[in-house]
C-alpha atoms as a PDB file:
ATOM      1  CA  ILE A   1     -14.401   5.452  23.759  1.00  0.00           C
ATOM      2  CA  VAL A   2     -14.854   6.474  20.133  1.00  0.00           C
ATOM      3  CA  SER A   3     -11.079   6.875  19.765  1.00  0.00           C
ATOM      4  CA  ILE A   4     -10.637   3.129  20.344  1.00  0.00           C
ATOM      5  CA  LEU A   5     -12.023   2.612  16.832  1.00  0.00           C
ATOM      6  CA  VAL A   6      -9.322   4.725  15.185  1.00  0.00           C
ATOM      7  CA  LEU A   7      -6.326   2.401  15.385  1.00  0.00           C
ATOM      8  CA  PRO A   8      -7.963  -0.767  13.973  1.00  0.00           C
ATOM      9  CA  LEU A   9      -9.602   1.185  11.151  1.00  0.00           C
ATOM     10  CA  ILE A  10      -6.400   2.925  10.100  1.00  0.00           C
ATOM     11  CA  MET A  11      -4.294  -0.227  10.405  1.00  0.00           C
ATOM     12  CA  GLY A  12      -6.827  -2.212   8.419  1.00  0.00           C
ATOM     13  CA  MET A  13      -6.915   0.291   5.587  1.00  0.00           C
ATOM     14  CA  GLY A  14      -3.122   0.661   5.538  1.00  0.00           C
ATOM     15  CA  ILE A  15      -2.634  -3.089   5.362  1.00  0.00           C
ATOM     16  CA  ASP A  16      -5.257  -3.305   2.639  1.00  0.00           C
ATOM     17  CA  TYR A  17      -3.426  -0.808   0.426  1.00  0.00           C
ATOM     18  CA  GLY A  18      -0.169  -2.717   0.874  1.00  0.00           C
ATOM     19  CA  VAL A  19      -1.798  -6.046   0.094  1.00  0.00           C
ATOM     20  CA  HIS A  20      -3.275  -4.691  -3.140  1.00  0.00           C
ATOM     21  CA  ALA A  21       0.111  -3.351  -4.251  1.00  0.00           C
ATOM     22  CA  ALA A  22       1.997  -6.520  -3.285  1.00  0.00           C
ATOM     23  CA  THR A  23      -0.551  -8.726  -5.055  1.00  0.00           C
ATOM     24  CA  SER A  24      -0.180  -6.651  -8.192  1.00  0.00           C
ATOM     25  CA  TRP A  25       3.613  -7.001  -7.883  1.00  0.00           C
ATOM     26  CA  GLN A  26       3.321 -10.792  -7.620  1.00  0.00           C
ATOM     27  CA  ARG A  27       1.239 -10.955 -10.798  1.00  0.00           C
ATOM     28  CA  GLU A  28       4.096  -9.369 -12.772  1.00  0.00           C
ATOM     29  CA  LYS A  29       6.406 -12.396 -12.469  1.00  0.00           C
ATOM     30  CA  GLY A  30       7.556 -12.218 -16.079  1.00  0.00           C
ATOM     31  CA  LEU A  31       9.329  -8.898 -15.575  1.00  0.00           C
ATOM     32  CA  ARG A  32      12.493  -8.288 -13.604  1.00  0.00           C
ATOM     33  CA  GLY A  33      13.789  -5.489 -11.429  1.00  0.00           C
ATOM     34  CA  SER A  34      12.432  -2.003 -11.736  1.00  0.00           C
ATOM     35  CA  GLU A  35      10.226  -2.920 -14.716  1.00  0.00           C
ATOM     36  CA  ARG A  36       8.302  -5.297 -12.470  1.00  0.00           C
ATOM     37  CA  ILE A  37       7.737  -2.639  -9.835  1.00  0.00           C
ATOM     38  CA  LYS A  38       6.772  -0.004 -12.416  1.00  0.00           C
ATOM     39  CA  ALA A  39       4.283  -2.357 -14.059  1.00  0.00           C
ATOM     40  CA  ALA A  40       2.805  -3.415 -10.740  1.00  0.00           C
ATOM     41  CA  PHE A  41       2.316   0.102  -9.471  1.00  0.00           C
ATOM     42  CA  ALA A  42       1.061   1.352 -12.830  1.00  0.00           C
ATOM     43  CA  ASP A  43      -1.581  -1.349 -12.558  1.00  0.00           C
ATOM     44  CA  SER A  44      -2.589  -0.781  -8.937  1.00  0.00           C
ATOM     45  CA  SER A  45      -1.833   2.878  -8.215  1.00  0.00           C
ATOM     46  CA  LYS A  46      -5.076   4.159  -9.721  1.00  0.00           C
ATOM     47  CA  ALA A  47      -7.170   1.718  -7.698  1.00  0.00           C
ATOM     48  CA  ILE A  48      -5.316   2.400  -4.463  1.00  0.00           C
ATOM     49  CA  SER A  49      -5.462   6.175  -4.991  1.00  0.00           C
ATOM     50  CA  LEU A  50      -9.174   6.143  -5.771  1.00  0.00           C
ATOM     51  CA  SER A  51      -9.892   3.917  -2.793  1.00  0.00           C
ATOM     52  CA  ALA A  52      -7.888   6.190  -0.507  1.00  0.00           C
ATOM     53  CA  LEU A  53      -9.572   9.284  -1.918  1.00  0.00           C
ATOM     54  CA  THR A  54     -13.091   7.964  -1.398  1.00  0.00           C
ATOM     55  CA  THR A  55     -12.218   6.778   2.110  1.00  0.00           C
ATOM     56  CA  PHE A  56     -10.642  10.151   2.879  1.00  0.00           C
ATOM     57  CA  ILE A  57     -13.776  11.945   1.670  1.00  0.00           C
ATOM     58  CA  GLY A  58     -16.011   9.609   3.641  1.00  0.00           C
ATOM     59  CA  PHE A  59     -14.111  10.057   6.884  1.00  0.00           C
ATOM     60  CA  GLY A  60     -13.584  13.742   6.164  1.00  0.00           C
ATOM     61  CA  SER A  61     -17.312  14.247   5.907  1.00  0.00           C
ATOM     62  CA  LEU A  62     -17.553  13.202   9.548  1.00  0.00           C
ATOM     63  CA  ALA A  63     -15.239  16.061  10.421  1.00  0.00           C
ATOM     64  CA  LEU A  64     -17.221  18.561   8.366  1.00  0.00           C
ATOM     65  CA  VAL A  65     -20.824  17.798   9.246  1.00  0.00           C
ATOM     66  CA  ALA A  66     -20.685  16.278  12.735  1.00  0.00           C
ATOM     67  CA  SER A  67     -22.053  18.381  15.537  1.00  0.00           C
ATOM     68  CA  PHE A  68     -20.701  16.064  18.234  1.00  0.00           C
ATOM     69  CA  LYS A  69     -17.036  16.873  19.025  1.00  0.00           C
ATOM     70  CA  ALA A  70     -15.959  13.227  19.422  1.00  0.00           C
ATOM     71  CA  ILE A  71     -17.287  12.289  15.967  1.00  0.00           C
ATOM     72  CA  MET A  72     -15.670  15.373  14.469  1.00  0.00           C
ATOM     73  CA  ASP A  73     -12.313  14.430  16.001  1.00  0.00           C
ATOM     74  CA  LEU A  74     -12.761  10.866  14.791  1.00  0.00           C
ATOM     75  CA  GLY A  75     -13.245  12.138  11.235  1.00  0.00           C
ATOM     76  CA  VAL A  76     -10.139  14.329  11.394  1.00  0.00           C
ATOM     77  CA  ILE A  77      -7.929  11.580  12.818  1.00  0.00           C
ATOM     78  CA  LEU A  78      -9.190   8.943  10.376  1.00  0.00           C
ATOM     79  CA  SER A  79      -8.743  11.259   7.385  1.00  0.00           C
ATOM     80  CA  LEU A  80      -5.204  12.076   8.427  1.00  0.00           C
ATOM     81  CA  GLY A  81      -4.524   8.390   9.090  1.00  0.00           C
ATOM     82  CA  ILE A  82      -5.628   7.406   5.589  1.00  0.00           C
ATOM     83  CA  VAL A  83      -3.251   9.943   4.057  1.00  0.00           C
ATOM     84  CA  LEU A  84      -0.450   8.658   6.283  1.00  0.00           C
ATOM     85  CA  CYS A  85      -1.165   5.078   5.147  1.00  0.00           C
ATOM     86  CA  VAL A  86      -1.114   5.862   1.431  1.00  0.00           C
ATOM     87  CA  ILE A  87       2.245   7.642   1.525  1.00  0.00           C
ATOM     88  CA  PRO A  88       4.262   4.569   2.641  1.00  0.00           C
ATOM     89  CA  THR A  89       2.346   2.391   0.181  1.00  0.00           C
ATOM     90  CA  PHE A  90       3.721   4.471  -2.699  1.00  0.00           C
ATOM     91  CA  THR A  91       7.172   5.185  -1.236  1.00  0.00           C
ATOM     92  CA  LEU A  92       8.324   2.541   1.243  1.00  0.00           C
ATOM     93  CA  LEU A  93       6.669  -0.528  -0.271  1.00  0.00           C
ATOM     94  CA  PRO A  94       8.285  -0.195  -3.741  1.00  0.00           C
ATOM     95  CA  ALA A  95      11.668   0.194  -2.049  1.00  0.00           C
ATOM     96  CA  LEU A  96      11.108  -2.942   0.018  1.00  0.00           C
ATOM     97  CA  LEU A  97       9.897  -4.874  -3.013  1.00  0.00           C
ATOM     98  CA  SER A  98      12.970  -3.820  -4.972  1.00  0.00           C
ATOM     99  CA  LEU A  99      15.182  -5.194  -2.198  1.00  0.00           C
ATOM    100  CA  GLY A 100      13.357  -8.492  -2.504  1.00  0.00           C
ATOM    101  CA  THR A 101      13.754  -8.374  -6.273  1.00  0.00           C
ATOM    102  CA  LYS A 102      17.524  -7.958  -6.002  1.00  0.00           C
ATOM    103  CA  THR A 103      17.702 -10.960  -3.692  1.00  0.00           C
ATOM    104  CA  ASN A 104      15.598 -13.011  -6.083  1.00  0.00           C
ATOM    105  CA  ARG A 105      17.702 -11.860  -9.028  1.00  0.00           C
ATOM    106  CA  ARG A 106      20.850 -13.187  -7.350  1.00  0.00           C
ATOM    107  CA  SER A 107      19.243 -16.526  -6.685  1.00  0.00           C
ATOM    108  CA  GLU A 108      18.106 -16.729 -10.326  1.00  0.00           C
ATOM    109  CA  LYS A 109      21.674 -16.041 -11.507  1.00  0.00           C
ATOM    110  CA  GLU A 110      22.989 -18.671  -9.143  1.00  0.00           C
ATOM    111  CA  GLN A 111      20.376 -21.081 -10.469  1.00  0.00           C
ATOM    112  CA  ASP A 112      21.452 -20.349 -14.063  1.00  0.00           C
ATOM    113  CA  VAL A 113      25.094 -21.037 -13.171  1.00  0.00           C
ATOM    114  CA  LEU A 114      24.139 -24.283 -11.478  1.00  0.00           C
ATOM    115  CA  GLU A 115      22.132 -25.358 -14.526  1.00  0.00           C
ATOM    116  CA  GLU A 116      25.084 -24.607 -16.833  1.00  0.00           C
ATOM    117  CA  VAL A 117      27.471 -26.589 -14.655  1.00  0.00           C
ATOM    118  CA  SER A 118      25.258 -29.651 -14.466  1.00  0.00           C
END
């Protein structure tokens, strides 16, 4: 029954890391393209990494000091899950945001052309 807690905890933390990175990306509206992504992740990567590290240590301590096997397994699975949530935040999310940036860049160019014509 303890393993039922694993999925919501890992999903919640993974979503949280992505939300922090995406919010930081939205704040950098003045920049375009890869500069926007670099600035956003330079701003939020330290906070996300530190948060993941402290969460990893907290859940990892369950695996190290628990005498009950179910709690020990819970700590191992949660620690591994946190690591597996941080990796896509720093690899997949910037790639997805850059795809969105290219789409927005095209629409901005189209908007500039429309403004010149009218």
